Amino acid sequence: MYQRQPDAWGAEAAARGRRGGQRIVHAGEIATPAEIAECLGITEGEDGAV
């Protein structure tokens, strides 16, 4: 079974006796800028998730 790995924020919060978490406040697609496309090995302007 898949076990989630703790993230840095959650681990830091737990070390302080607190509870951390994240919340997605926006998701969508944009045309990929040249610098990002190069890093990902895709074509500039290709849709990418944000």
C-alpha atoms as a PDB file:
ATOM      1  CA  MET A   1       0.000   0.000   0.000  1.00  0.00           C
ATOM      2  CA  TYR A   2       1.177   3.528  -0.777  1.00  0.00           C
ATOM      3  CA  GLN A   3       2.379   5.542   2.212  1.00  0.00           C
ATOM      4  CA  ARG A   4       2.524   9.312   2.003  1.00  0.00           C
ATOM      5  CA  GLN A   5       5.883  10.887   2.616  1.00  0.00           C
ATOM      6  CA  PRO A   6       5.826  13.822   5.027  1.00  0.00           C
ATOM      7  CA  ASP A   7       6.516  17.189   3.455  1.00  0.00           C
ATOM      8  CA  ALA A   8       8.890  19.766   4.948  1.00  0.00           C
ATOM      9  CA  TRP A   9       6.085  22.009   6.234  1.00  0.00           C
ATOM     10  CA  GLY A  10       4.180  19.196   7.914  1.00  0.00           C
ATOM     11  CA  ALA A  11       7.340  17.726   9.441  1.00  0.00           C
ATOM     12  CA  GLU A  12       8.373  21.119  10.824  1.00  0.00           C
ATOM     13  CA  ALA A  13       4.909  21.726  12.268  1.00  0.00           C
ATOM     14  CA  ALA A  14       4.881  18.247  13.859  1.00  0.00           C
ATOM     15  CA  ALA A  15       8.306  18.879  15.399  1.00  0.00           C
ATOM     16  CA  ARG A  16       6.761  21.914  17.114  1.00  0.00           C
ATOM     17  CA  GLY A  17       3.748  19.942  18.314  1.00  0.00           C
ATOM     18  CA  ARG A  18       1.460  21.427  15.687  1.00  0.00           C
ATOM     19  CA  ARG A  19      -0.378  20.151  12.650  1.00  0.00           C
ATOM     20  CA  GLY A  20       0.482  21.365   9.158  1.00  0.00           C
ATOM     21  CA  GLY A  21      -1.312  21.069   5.874  1.00  0.00           C
ATOM     22  CA  GLN A  22      -1.945  22.562   2.480  1.00  0.00           C
ATOM     23  CA  ARG A  23      -5.011  23.663   0.581  1.00  0.00           C
ATOM     24  CA  ILE A  24      -5.241  24.083  -3.186  1.00  0.00           C
ATOM     25  CA  VAL A  25      -6.761  27.510  -3.787  1.00  0.00           C
ATOM     26  CA  HIS A  26      -6.432  27.608  -7.582  1.00  0.00           C
ATOM     27  CA  ALA A  27      -5.753  25.116 -10.344  1.00  0.00           C
ATOM     28  CA  GLY A  28      -5.766  25.642 -14.076  1.00  0.00           C
ATOM     29  CA  GLU A  29      -3.806  25.567 -17.322  1.00  0.00           C
ATOM     30  CA  ILE A  30      -1.587  28.168 -18.945  1.00  0.00           C
ATOM     31  CA  ALA A  31       0.596  28.343 -22.045  1.00  0.00           C
ATOM     32  CA  THR A  32       4.041  27.218 -20.896  1.00  0.00           C
ATOM     33  CA  PRO A  33       6.693  29.983 -20.854  1.00  0.00           C
ATOM     34  CA  ALA A  34       9.931  29.236 -22.776  1.00  0.00           C
ATOM     35  CA  GLU A  35      12.141  28.797 -19.688  1.00  0.00           C
ATOM     36  CA  ILE A  36       9.739  26.349 -18.041  1.00  0.00           C
ATOM     37  CA  ALA A  37       9.114  24.443 -21.284  1.00  0.00           C
ATOM     38  CA  GLU A  38      12.863  23.950 -21.697  1.00  0.00           C
ATOM     39  CA  CYS A  39      13.183  22.550 -18.155  1.00  0.00           C
ATOM     40  CA  LEU A  40      10.280  20.154 -18.722  1.00  0.00           C
ATOM     41  CA  GLY A  41      11.344  19.129 -22.210  1.00  0.00           C
ATOM     42  CA  ILE A  42       8.100  20.305 -23.824  1.00  0.00           C
ATOM     43  CA  THR A  43       7.225  22.841 -26.507  1.00  0.00           C
ATOM     44  CA  GLU A  44       6.887  26.515 -25.581  1.00  0.00           C
ATOM     45  CA  GLY A  45       3.235  27.520 -25.506  1.00  0.00           C
ATOM     46  CA  GLU A  46       2.025  23.980 -24.838  1.00  0.00           C
ATOM     47  CA  ASP A  47      -0.663  23.891 -22.135  1.00  0.00           C
ATOM     48  CA  GLY A  48       0.644  23.169 -18.660  1.00  0.00           C
ATOM     49  CA  ALA A  49      -1.055  22.666 -15.299  1.00  0.00           C
ATOM     50  CA  VAL A  50      -0.602  25.245 -12.550  1.00  0.00           C
END
